[in-house]
Amino acid sequence: MKIGASLQTRLALTVGLSVTLLWLAAAAVTAHRLGGEMEDVFDDGLRATAQRILPIVRHDVREGRQRRNPADHNDDDGEDTDRGTHTGREARYGENVTFIVRDRSGNVLLVSQGADASIFPPFVDKGFLRTETHQLYYDKSLDGNLTIAVAEPLDRRRELSRKMLLGLVLPLSIVIPFSLLAIILAVRRSLRPVRGLRQALARRGVQDLSPLPDSRLPSELRPISAGINQLLGRLKAAFNAERAFAANAAHELRTPVAGAIAQAQRIRSETGEELTRQRASEIEITLKRLMRMSEKLMQLARAEGGRLQGDEPSDLRTALQMIVQDFKTVGEGRIVLTVPQRPVLSKLDPDAVGILFRNLIENALKHGAQDGLVEAVLQVDGMLCVANDGPVLPADAMDRLMQRFERGDGKIGGSGLGLAIIKAITDRAGMTINVTSPRPEKSEGVQVQVRLPLS
C-alpha cells in the first residue's frame, strides 16, 4: 500500500513532522538565545573580575609606596620609585580566567599565575576585545595610572556551549520518538470510527440495505454516513419496486394463465382433429411452463425481499416433511428424508425453509438419475444435505448455475431460477452452501449442503 493512500499514515506523518520541526526550531531558538545570555554572563564575569581585582592592586601599590616613603603622598612619584618592587608579581586566581595589571607606561605590575602576557594586547580603551583565542575585558583605575586586562579562553566558552546544546538535544532525542509514537496512537485511535464504518460496510451481505447507525460517529463522518444511507435508501426503494413488480406480475399472471390452460384442455377434449388436439397439448405445456416460471419469480421475490427471520423458533423437521408430502401427493415418491428424533429449532421463517428445500429437491429430481433416489438428511446441528445420483457436475459450473435463468442441461426443462433462489436465501440469512460432485465415496452424483441457523 502506498504511503499517500492511507489517511492514517498521512495524518501521522504530517503531525509528526510538524511537531518534530517545531521542537527542533524551538531548541535552535532556545540554544541561540541561551548562547547570547551565556555570553553576557561570561562578559559580566570578566567585568566583575576586573572591577574586583583593580582596587586591590591599586591599594597594594599605594601601601607599598607608603612603606618606602611615608611622607610622600604623590601617587605618580611613588609609582615611579616603587615600580621595580611590584613588577612581575604573580597572583593565584581561577584556572580559566587570567589577568594582567600594567601601569601607565605599560609595565607589568601583577599577573595571574600561569598567565601568558602575549595574549594581552596593549591597553587602548576601556571595554571588551575579542581575539582569535580569548575574550578580554580592559579597565583602568579612576586616576588612569593602572590598567587591567582580564582574559577568558574561547575554547572554554565553546565547550560550555556544546554541553548546553547537548543538554537540549539529549532530551529531545528521547521526547521526539515518544511524541511520534503518541501521535501515531492518537491518530489511530481517532480514526477508529472510520475503520468501524468500513468494517460495517464490509460485513454487510449483498441484500443488506439497512441504514448505517450514526449515533457514535464524529461530526466529520456523519455527512458521509448520511449520504450512504440516502444511497442505500434509494437502492432499497428501487429493489423493492423491482421485486414488487415481479411478484405482482407473477401473481396476476396466474389467473389468466390458469384460464388459458383450462381453455386449451377443453379444446383438446372437444375437438376431433388430431392436429388441433396436438396443438392444444403444446399450448397447455407452454402455459404450464409459464405458470411454473411465475411461481419461481414469486419465490425469488420472496427470497430477495421477504422476511426470513421469525419471532419464535420453529421445528425445521415440520417444514421439510410437509414439502416431501407435497411431492408424494403429485406422485413423486423417490425422496428419502431422514430427520433427527428430537426437534431442530430455528428462527428461520418456515416459508423460507420450504422455498429453499423445495428448490433443492426439484433440482435433484430434475437433474439427477431418472430412476435414482434423492436423499435428504437433516442433522441436529442444522446441516441440511440433499444428494442425488447422476452425471458429475463440472467444477466451474456451480457459480454459473447460481445466476438467474442459467440452465445446466438445455434438454431438461426448467426456469433456471432454482439455484438463484437458493443462493438469495442463503446470502440473506448468512448461511453457507457447499456443493460436492461427485458425491463422497461415490463416482457420480451431486451433494448440496446448507447449514441452517439454529436458535
Protein backbone atom coordinates (compact mmCIF):
# COMPACT_ATOMS: atom_id res chain seq x y z
CA MET A 1 0.00 0.00 0.00
CA LYS A 2 1.33 3.43 -0.90
CA ILE A 3 2.10 5.81 1.95
CA GLY A 4 -0.06 8.57 0.48
CA ALA A 5 -3.03 6.23 0.11
CA SER A 6 -3.54 5.85 3.86
CA LEU A 7 -5.23 8.72 5.67
CA GLN A 8 -3.89 7.44 8.98
CA THR A 9 -0.29 7.37 7.71
CA ARG A 10 -0.69 10.75 6.06
CA LEU A 11 -2.03 12.38 9.25
CA ALA A 12 0.61 10.72 11.43
CA LEU A 13 3.44 11.84 9.14
CA THR A 14 2.10 15.37 8.80
CA VAL A 15 1.52 15.90 12.51
CA GLY A 16 4.71 14.05 13.49
CA LEU A 17 6.94 16.00 11.12
CA SER A 18 5.30 19.27 12.13
CA VAL A 19 5.83 18.59 15.83
CA THR A 20 9.41 17.43 15.21
CA LEU A 21 10.25 20.54 13.21
CA LEU A 22 8.64 22.75 15.85
CA TRP A 23 10.65 21.01 18.58
CA LEU A 24 13.88 21.44 16.64
CA ALA A 25 13.09 25.06 15.79
CA ALA A 26 12.28 25.78 19.43
CA ALA A 27 15.50 24.07 20.50
CA ALA A 28 17.52 26.08 17.97
CA VAL A 29 15.98 29.38 19.08
CA THR A 30 16.47 28.44 22.72
CA ALA A 31 20.09 27.48 22.10
CA HIS A 32 20.71 30.75 20.24
CA ARG A 33 19.11 32.90 22.93
CA LEU A 34 20.76 30.93 25.72
CA GLY A 35 24.12 31.24 23.99
CA GLY A 36 23.69 35.00 23.88
CA GLU A 37 22.66 35.09 27.52
CA MET A 38 25.67 32.98 28.49
CA GLU A 39 27.96 35.32 26.55
CA ASP A 40 26.53 38.22 28.55
CA VAL A 41 27.00 36.27 31.78
CA PHE A 42 30.62 35.44 30.89
CA ASP A 43 31.27 39.06 29.92
CA ASP A 44 29.72 40.26 33.17
CA GLY A 45 32.02 37.83 34.97
CA LEU A 46 35.07 39.31 33.25
CA ARG A 47 33.92 42.83 34.09
CA ALA A 48 33.24 41.89 37.72
CA THR A 49 36.66 40.22 37.98
CA ALA A 50 38.41 43.33 36.66
CA GLN A 51 36.43 45.62 38.95
CA ARG A 52 37.20 43.42 41.94
CA ILE A 53 40.94 43.00 41.31
CA LEU A 54 41.83 46.53 40.19
CA PRO A 55 41.06 48.25 43.55
CA ILE A 56 43.01 45.56 45.40
CA VAL A 57 46.07 46.07 43.21
CA ARG A 58 45.79 49.86 43.50
CA HIS A 59 45.62 49.58 47.27
CA ASP A 60 48.56 47.19 47.30
CA VAL A 61 50.64 49.58 45.20
CA ARG A 62 49.73 52.52 47.42
CA GLU A 63 50.61 50.61 50.60
CA GLY A 64 53.97 49.61 49.19
CA ARG A 65 54.74 53.21 48.30
CA GLN A 66 53.86 54.47 51.75
CA ARG A 67 56.19 51.92 53.36
CA ARG A 68 59.01 53.10 51.16
CA ASN A 69 58.32 56.85 51.66
CA PRO A 70 55.63 57.55 54.24
CA ALA A 71 55.94 61.34 53.82
CA ASP A 72 55.43 61.17 50.07
CA HIS A 73 51.74 61.17 49.14
CA ASN A 74 52.25 61.78 45.45
CA ASP A 75 50.86 58.73 43.67
CA ASP A 76 52.68 59.41 40.48
CA ASP A 77 56.09 59.77 42.14
CA GLY A 78 55.54 56.78 44.39
CA GLU A 79 54.58 54.68 41.46
CA ASP A 80 57.76 55.60 39.62
CA THR A 81 60.05 54.90 42.59
CA ASP A 82 58.33 51.69 43.60
CA ARG A 83 57.76 50.25 40.14
CA GLY A 84 60.61 47.79 40.32
CA THR A 85 59.33 46.32 43.55
CA HIS A 86 55.90 45.27 42.10
CA THR A 87 56.89 44.38 38.60
CA GLY A 88 56.34 40.71 37.67
CA ARG A 89 54.45 39.59 40.75
CA GLU A 90 52.02 36.68 40.31
CA ALA A 91 48.66 36.15 41.95
CA ARG A 92 46.57 32.99 42.21
CA TYR A 93 43.10 33.07 40.65
CA GLY A 94 40.91 30.75 38.69
CA GLU A 95 42.26 28.31 36.15
CA ASN A 96 40.19 29.64 33.26
CA VAL A 97 40.36 33.39 33.87
CA THR A 98 43.75 35.14 33.71
CA PHE A 99 44.57 38.81 34.12
CA ILE A 100 47.44 41.26 33.91
CA VAL A 101 47.88 44.66 35.58
CA ARG A 102 50.01 47.34 33.99
CA ASP A 103 50.98 50.89 34.90
CA ARG A 104 50.56 53.96 32.76
CA SER A 105 53.75 53.16 30.82
CA GLY A 106 52.68 49.58 30.09
CA ASN A 107 54.98 47.94 32.61
CA VAL A 108 53.57 44.77 34.15
CA LEU A 109 52.82 45.15 37.85
CA LEU A 110 50.86 41.97 38.56
CA VAL A 111 49.88 38.86 36.57
CA SER A 112 47.79 35.87 37.45
CA GLN A 113 49.58 32.58 37.90
CA GLY A 114 50.22 30.86 34.56
CA ALA A 115 49.13 33.90 32.51
CA ASP A 116 50.78 34.41 29.15
CA ALA A 117 51.50 38.11 28.61
CA SER A 118 51.45 37.62 24.83
CA ILE A 119 47.70 37.08 24.77
CA PHE A 120 47.07 40.53 26.27
CA PRO A 121 47.34 43.30 23.66
CA PRO A 122 48.31 46.75 24.95
CA PHE A 123 45.55 48.81 26.57
CA VAL A 124 43.75 51.01 24.10
CA ASP A 125 40.39 51.74 25.61
CA LYS A 126 38.10 50.50 28.33
CA GLY A 127 35.79 47.69 27.21
CA PHE A 128 35.76 44.25 25.57
CA LEU A 129 38.12 42.89 22.97
CA ARG A 130 37.93 39.52 21.24
CA THR A 131 40.96 37.84 19.75
CA GLU A 132 41.23 34.52 17.94
CA THR A 133 41.73 32.65 21.20
CA HIS A 134 40.38 34.82 24.05
CA GLN A 135 37.68 37.23 25.13
CA LEU A 136 39.26 40.13 27.05
CA TYR A 137 37.96 42.97 29.17
CA TYR A 138 40.01 46.11 29.76
CA ASP A 139 39.54 48.57 32.62
CA LYS A 140 41.55 51.31 34.30
CA SER A 141 41.69 52.99 37.64
CA LEU A 142 39.98 56.30 38.26
CA ASP A 143 43.29 58.19 38.10
CA GLY A 144 44.32 56.29 34.97
CA ASN A 145 47.62 55.11 36.45
CA LEU A 146 46.66 51.40 36.44
CA THR A 147 45.09 49.24 33.74
CA ILE A 148 43.88 45.69 33.95
CA ALA A 149 43.12 43.14 31.26
CA VAL A 150 41.11 40.03 32.13
CA ALA A 151 41.04 37.18 29.62
CA GLU A 152 38.96 34.03 29.26
CA PRO A 153 39.69 31.32 26.65
CA LEU A 154 37.13 30.99 23.87
CA ASP A 155 37.61 27.22 23.97
CA ARG A 156 36.06 27.16 27.41
CA ARG A 157 33.05 29.08 26.20
CA ARG A 158 32.67 26.77 23.19
CA GLU A 159 32.90 23.74 25.47
CA LEU A 160 30.19 25.12 27.72
CA SER A 161 28.07 25.90 24.64
CA ARG A 162 28.47 22.33 23.41
CA LYS A 163 27.46 20.98 26.81
CA MET A 164 24.45 23.29 26.81
CA LEU A 165 23.45 22.20 23.29
CA LEU A 166 23.93 18.55 24.25
CA GLY A 167 21.71 19.14 27.26
CA LEU A 168 18.99 20.37 24.90
CA VAL A 169 19.43 17.69 22.24
CA LEU A 170 19.56 14.66 24.54
CA PRO A 171 16.06 15.21 26.00
CA LEU A 172 14.72 15.87 22.50
CA SER A 173 16.20 12.61 21.23
CA ILE A 174 14.08 10.87 23.85
CA VAL A 175 10.99 13.08 23.70
CA ILE A 176 10.62 13.17 19.89
CA PRO A 177 10.34 9.35 19.38
CA PHE A 178 7.83 9.09 22.22
CA SER A 179 5.94 12.08 20.77
CA LEU A 180 5.81 10.40 17.36
CA LEU A 181 4.57 7.16 18.95
CA ALA A 182 1.94 9.09 20.91
CA ILE A 183 0.84 10.88 17.71
CA ILE A 184 0.56 7.58 15.81
CA LEU A 185 -1.51 6.04 18.61
CA ALA A 186 -3.68 9.15 18.91
CA VAL A 187 -4.31 9.27 15.14
CA ARG A 188 -5.06 5.54 15.08
CA ARG A 189 -7.49 5.91 17.97
CA SER A 190 -9.12 8.97 16.40
CA LEU A 191 -9.65 7.10 13.11
CA ARG A 192 -11.29 4.14 14.84
CA PRO A 193 -14.79 5.32 13.76
CA VAL A 194 -13.59 5.34 10.14
CA ARG A 195 -12.37 1.75 10.45
CA GLY A 196 -15.62 0.80 12.18
CA LEU A 197 -17.63 2.33 9.35
CA ARG A 198 -15.54 0.50 6.75
CA GLN A 199 -15.88 -2.81 8.60
CA ALA A 200 -19.63 -2.33 8.99
CA LEU A 201 -19.93 -1.89 5.24
CA ALA A 202 -17.60 -4.82 4.51
CA ARG A 203 -19.57 -7.21 6.75
CA ARG A 204 -22.86 -6.48 5.03
CA GLY A 205 -24.35 -9.02 2.72
CA VAL A 206 -25.36 -8.24 -0.81
CA GLN A 207 -29.01 -7.94 0.22
CA ASP A 208 -28.48 -5.87 3.38
CA LEU A 209 -29.59 -2.32 2.59
CA SER A 210 -30.44 -1.24 6.13
CA PRO A 211 -29.22 2.25 7.13
CA LEU A 212 -25.92 2.72 8.91
CA PRO A 213 -26.04 3.78 12.58
CA ASP A 214 -24.53 7.24 13.08
CA SER A 215 -25.04 7.81 16.79
CA ARG A 216 -21.38 7.24 17.69
CA LEU A 217 -19.81 8.78 14.62
CA PRO A 218 -17.89 12.06 14.88
CA SER A 219 -19.35 15.13 13.24
CA GLU A 220 -16.94 14.84 10.27
CA LEU A 221 -18.24 11.36 9.36
CA ARG A 222 -21.95 11.97 9.87
CA PRO A 223 -22.43 13.65 6.45
CA ILE A 224 -20.72 10.66 4.81
CA SER A 225 -22.91 8.23 6.74
CA ALA A 226 -25.99 10.27 5.86
CA GLY A 227 -25.03 10.23 2.17
CA ILE A 228 -24.50 6.46 2.25
CA ASN A 229 -27.85 5.98 3.98
CA GLN A 230 -29.57 8.09 1.33
CA LEU A 231 -27.96 5.97 -1.38
CA LEU A 232 -28.96 2.77 0.41
CA GLY A 233 -32.49 4.08 0.75
CA ARG A 234 -32.74 4.80 -2.97
CA LEU A 235 -31.28 1.38 -3.82
CA LYS A 236 -33.68 -0.32 -1.45
CA ALA A 237 -36.64 1.53 -2.96
CA ALA A 238 -35.51 0.55 -6.46
CA PHE A 239 -35.03 -3.10 -5.50
CA ASN A 240 -38.35 -3.21 -3.68
CA ALA A 241 -40.08 -1.77 -6.73
CA GLU A 242 -38.41 -4.40 -8.93
CA ARG A 243 -39.36 -7.25 -6.60
CA ALA A 244 -42.89 -5.92 -6.18
CA PHE A 245 -43.30 -5.72 -9.93
CA ALA A 246 -42.01 -9.26 -10.43
CA ALA A 247 -44.20 -10.63 -7.62
CA ASN A 248 -47.29 -8.72 -8.71
CA ALA A 249 -46.79 -9.62 -12.35
CA ALA A 250 -46.32 -13.29 -11.49
CA HIS A 251 -49.34 -13.24 -9.20
CA GLU A 252 -51.56 -11.51 -11.74
CA LEU A 253 -50.49 -13.94 -14.46
CA ARG A 254 -51.64 -16.99 -12.53
CA THR A 255 -55.38 -16.45 -13.06
CA PRO A 256 -55.31 -15.74 -16.81
CA VAL A 257 -52.73 -18.47 -17.38
CA ALA A 258 -54.86 -20.94 -15.45
CA GLY A 259 -57.85 -19.90 -17.54
CA ALA A 260 -55.85 -20.32 -20.73
CA ILE A 261 -54.76 -23.80 -19.64
CA ALA A 262 -58.39 -24.73 -18.99
CA GLN A 263 -59.39 -23.49 -22.42
CA ALA A 264 -56.57 -25.45 -24.07
CA GLN A 265 -57.64 -28.59 -22.23
CA ARG A 266 -61.27 -28.02 -23.29
CA ILE A 267 -60.26 -27.56 -26.93
CA ARG A 268 -58.25 -30.78 -26.80
CA SER A 269 -61.16 -32.70 -25.32
CA GLU A 270 -63.84 -31.33 -27.68
CA THR A 271 -62.01 -31.39 -31.00
CA GLY A 272 -61.93 -34.42 -33.21
CA GLU A 273 -58.99 -33.33 -35.29
CA GLU A 274 -55.67 -34.85 -34.31
CA LEU A 275 -53.68 -31.79 -35.40
CA THR A 276 -55.85 -29.46 -33.35
CA ARG A 277 -55.56 -31.77 -30.33
CA GLN A 278 -51.76 -31.82 -30.69
CA ARG A 279 -51.56 -28.06 -30.88
CA ALA A 280 -53.82 -27.72 -27.85
CA SER A 281 -51.47 -30.02 -25.92
CA GLU A 282 -48.46 -27.89 -26.93
CA ILE A 283 -50.29 -24.75 -25.82
CA GLU A 284 -51.06 -26.42 -22.48
CA ILE A 285 -47.41 -27.39 -21.99
CA THR A 286 -46.24 -23.87 -22.78
CA LEU A 287 -48.80 -22.31 -20.44
CA LYS A 288 -47.83 -24.69 -17.63
CA ARG A 289 -44.18 -23.70 -18.17
CA LEU A 290 -45.27 -20.07 -17.89
CA MET A 291 -47.15 -20.95 -14.71
CA ARG A 292 -44.04 -22.54 -13.20
CA MET A 293 -41.99 -19.51 -14.24
CA SER A 294 -44.43 -17.17 -12.48
CA GLU A 295 -44.23 -19.31 -9.35
CA LYS A 296 -40.43 -19.19 -9.43
CA LEU A 297 -40.49 -15.42 -9.89
CA MET A 298 -42.71 -15.09 -6.83
CA GLN A 299 -40.36 -17.34 -4.87
CA LEU A 300 -37.37 -15.25 -5.99
CA ALA A 301 -39.13 -12.05 -4.95
CA ARG A 302 -39.93 -13.68 -1.60
CA ALA A 303 -36.33 -14.85 -1.20
CA GLU A 304 -34.83 -11.45 -2.01
CA GLY A 305 -37.27 -9.16 -0.23
CA GLY A 306 -39.38 -11.18 2.18
CA ARG A 307 -38.94 -11.75 5.86
CA LEU A 308 -36.50 -14.54 6.66
CA GLN A 309 -36.49 -14.47 10.46
CA GLY A 310 -39.48 -15.33 12.63
CA ASP A 311 -40.30 -14.08 16.11
CA GLU A 312 -40.36 -17.55 17.63
CA PRO A 313 -38.28 -20.63 16.77
CA SER A 314 -39.98 -23.42 14.83
CA ASP A 315 -39.11 -27.04 14.18
CA LEU A 316 -37.29 -27.44 10.88
CA ARG A 317 -38.46 -31.04 10.60
CA THR A 318 -42.08 -29.96 10.10
CA ALA A 319 -41.37 -27.76 7.07
CA LEU A 320 -39.21 -30.45 5.43
CA GLN A 321 -41.80 -33.19 5.99
CA MET A 322 -44.55 -31.01 4.50
CA ILE A 323 -42.51 -30.42 1.33
CA VAL A 324 -41.80 -34.13 0.93
CA GLN A 325 -45.51 -34.87 1.41
CA ASP A 326 -46.39 -32.35 -1.33
CA PHE A 327 -44.10 -34.17 -3.75
CA LYS A 328 -45.63 -37.52 -2.82
CA THR A 329 -49.10 -36.06 -3.45
CA VAL A 330 -48.20 -35.39 -7.09
CA GLY A 331 -46.79 -38.88 -7.46
CA GLU A 332 -43.10 -38.24 -6.75
CA GLY A 333 -42.00 -40.91 -4.28
CA ARG A 334 -38.27 -41.03 -4.94
CA ILE A 335 -37.46 -38.76 -1.97
CA VAL A 336 -35.95 -40.28 1.19
CA LEU A 337 -35.99 -37.85 4.11
CA THR A 338 -34.04 -38.54 7.31
CA VAL A 339 -34.56 -36.24 10.30
CA PRO A 340 -33.44 -36.44 13.96
CA GLN A 341 -35.71 -37.83 16.64
CA ARG A 342 -35.67 -34.59 18.61
CA PRO A 343 -36.80 -31.16 17.36
CA VAL A 344 -34.35 -28.96 15.47
CA LEU A 345 -35.41 -25.40 16.35
CA SER A 346 -34.58 -22.34 14.25
CA LYS A 347 -35.92 -18.80 13.91
CA LEU A 348 -35.63 -19.08 10.15
CA ASP A 349 -39.07 -18.44 8.65
CA PRO A 350 -40.80 -21.77 7.75
CA ASP A 351 -41.85 -20.38 4.35
CA ALA A 352 -38.21 -19.55 3.54
CA VAL A 353 -37.17 -23.03 4.67
CA GLY A 354 -39.88 -24.52 2.47
CA ILE A 355 -38.80 -22.50 -0.59
CA LEU A 356 -35.16 -23.45 -0.03
CA PHE A 357 -35.85 -27.16 0.45
CA ARG A 358 -38.37 -27.34 -2.41
CA ASN A 359 -35.87 -25.92 -4.90
CA LEU A 360 -33.15 -28.27 -3.67
CA ILE A 361 -35.44 -31.28 -4.16
CA GLU A 362 -36.69 -30.07 -7.58
CA ASN A 363 -33.12 -29.62 -8.84
CA ALA A 364 -32.11 -33.04 -7.51
CA LEU A 365 -35.15 -34.74 -9.14
CA LYS A 366 -34.79 -32.89 -12.42
CA HIS A 367 -31.03 -33.19 -12.96
CA GLY A 368 -30.36 -36.48 -11.18
CA ALA A 369 -30.75 -40.02 -12.41
CA GLN A 370 -34.35 -40.55 -13.52
CA ASP A 371 -34.72 -43.79 -11.58
CA GLY A 372 -32.46 -42.86 -8.69
CA LEU A 373 -33.38 -41.76 -5.20
CA VAL A 374 -32.99 -38.27 -3.77
CA GLU A 375 -31.61 -38.46 -0.26
CA ALA A 376 -32.34 -35.59 2.13
CA VAL A 377 -30.79 -35.58 5.61
CA LEU A 378 -31.27 -33.02 8.40
CA GLN A 379 -28.74 -33.24 11.23
CA VAL A 380 -29.12 -32.00 14.78
CA ASP A 381 -26.61 -29.19 14.16
CA GLY A 382 -28.78 -27.72 11.38
CA MET A 383 -26.83 -29.19 8.45
CA LEU A 384 -29.24 -29.97 5.57
CA CYS A 385 -27.85 -32.32 2.95
CA VAL A 386 -29.59 -33.16 -0.36
CA ALA A 387 -27.87 -35.70 -2.66
CA ASN A 388 -28.76 -37.44 -5.87
CA ASP A 389 -27.14 -39.81 -8.34
CA GLY A 390 -26.44 -38.73 -11.86
CA PRO A 391 -23.78 -37.04 -14.00
CA VAL A 392 -20.85 -35.28 -12.37
CA LEU A 393 -21.15 -31.52 -12.19
CA PRO A 394 -18.14 -29.62 -13.63
CA ALA A 395 -16.07 -27.74 -11.05
CA ASP A 396 -16.64 -24.34 -12.68
CA ALA A 397 -20.34 -24.82 -13.37
CA MET A 398 -21.72 -24.04 -9.89
CA ASP A 399 -21.00 -20.31 -9.93
CA ARG A 400 -22.59 -20.02 -13.36
CA LEU A 401 -25.66 -22.01 -12.35
CA MET A 402 -26.20 -19.73 -9.34
CA GLN A 403 -27.06 -16.92 -11.73
CA ARG A 404 -30.59 -16.25 -12.88
CA PHE A 405 -32.01 -18.12 -15.87
CA GLU A 406 -28.96 -20.37 -16.19
CA ARG A 407 -29.75 -23.99 -17.04
CA GLY A 408 -27.40 -26.92 -16.64
CA ASP A 409 -28.79 -29.03 -19.49
CA GLY A 410 -30.76 -27.47 -22.31
CA LYS A 411 -32.59 -30.75 -22.92
CA ILE A 412 -34.15 -30.66 -19.46
CA GLY A 413 -36.91 -28.14 -18.93
CA GLY A 414 -36.68 -25.61 -16.19
CA SER A 415 -36.80 -21.92 -15.36
CA GLY A 416 -33.14 -21.53 -14.45
CA LEU A 417 -34.11 -19.84 -11.18
CA GLY A 418 -33.90 -22.70 -8.65
CA LEU A 419 -30.25 -22.23 -7.59
CA ALA A 420 -30.60 -18.44 -7.81
CA ILE A 421 -33.45 -18.64 -5.28
CA ILE A 422 -31.36 -20.90 -3.03
CA LYS A 423 -28.40 -18.52 -3.21
CA ALA A 424 -30.60 -15.48 -2.45
CA ILE A 425 -31.93 -17.12 0.72
CA THR A 426 -28.54 -18.35 1.93
CA ASP A 427 -26.88 -14.98 1.30
CA ARG A 428 -29.54 -13.01 3.15
CA ALA A 429 -29.65 -15.42 6.10
CA GLY A 430 -25.85 -15.66 6.33
CA MET A 431 -25.84 -19.37 5.64
CA THR A 432 -23.13 -21.33 3.85
CA ILE A 433 -23.75 -23.60 0.87
CA ASN A 434 -21.34 -26.30 -0.22
CA VAL A 435 -21.65 -28.33 -3.45
CA THR A 436 -19.71 -31.57 -3.87
CA SER A 437 -19.60 -33.53 -7.13
CA PRO A 438 -19.16 -36.45 -7.31
CA ARG A 439 -20.76 -37.44 -4.02
CA PRO A 440 -18.45 -38.56 -1.20
CA GLU A 441 -17.41 -42.20 -1.57
CA LYS A 442 -19.10 -42.38 -5.00
CA SER A 443 -18.04 -41.76 -8.59
CA GLU A 444 -21.11 -39.78 -9.65
CA GLY A 445 -23.90 -37.60 -8.36
CA VAL A 446 -24.14 -34.22 -6.64
CA GLN A 447 -24.39 -33.38 -2.96
CA VAL A 448 -25.53 -29.97 -1.72
CA GLN A 449 -25.05 -28.98 1.94
CA VAL A 450 -26.64 -25.95 3.57
CA ARG A 451 -26.08 -25.12 7.25
CA LEU A 452 -29.35 -23.73 8.62
CA PRO A 453 -29.10 -21.30 11.59
CA LEU A 454 -30.32 -22.70 14.90
CA SER A 455 -31.92 -20.71 17.70
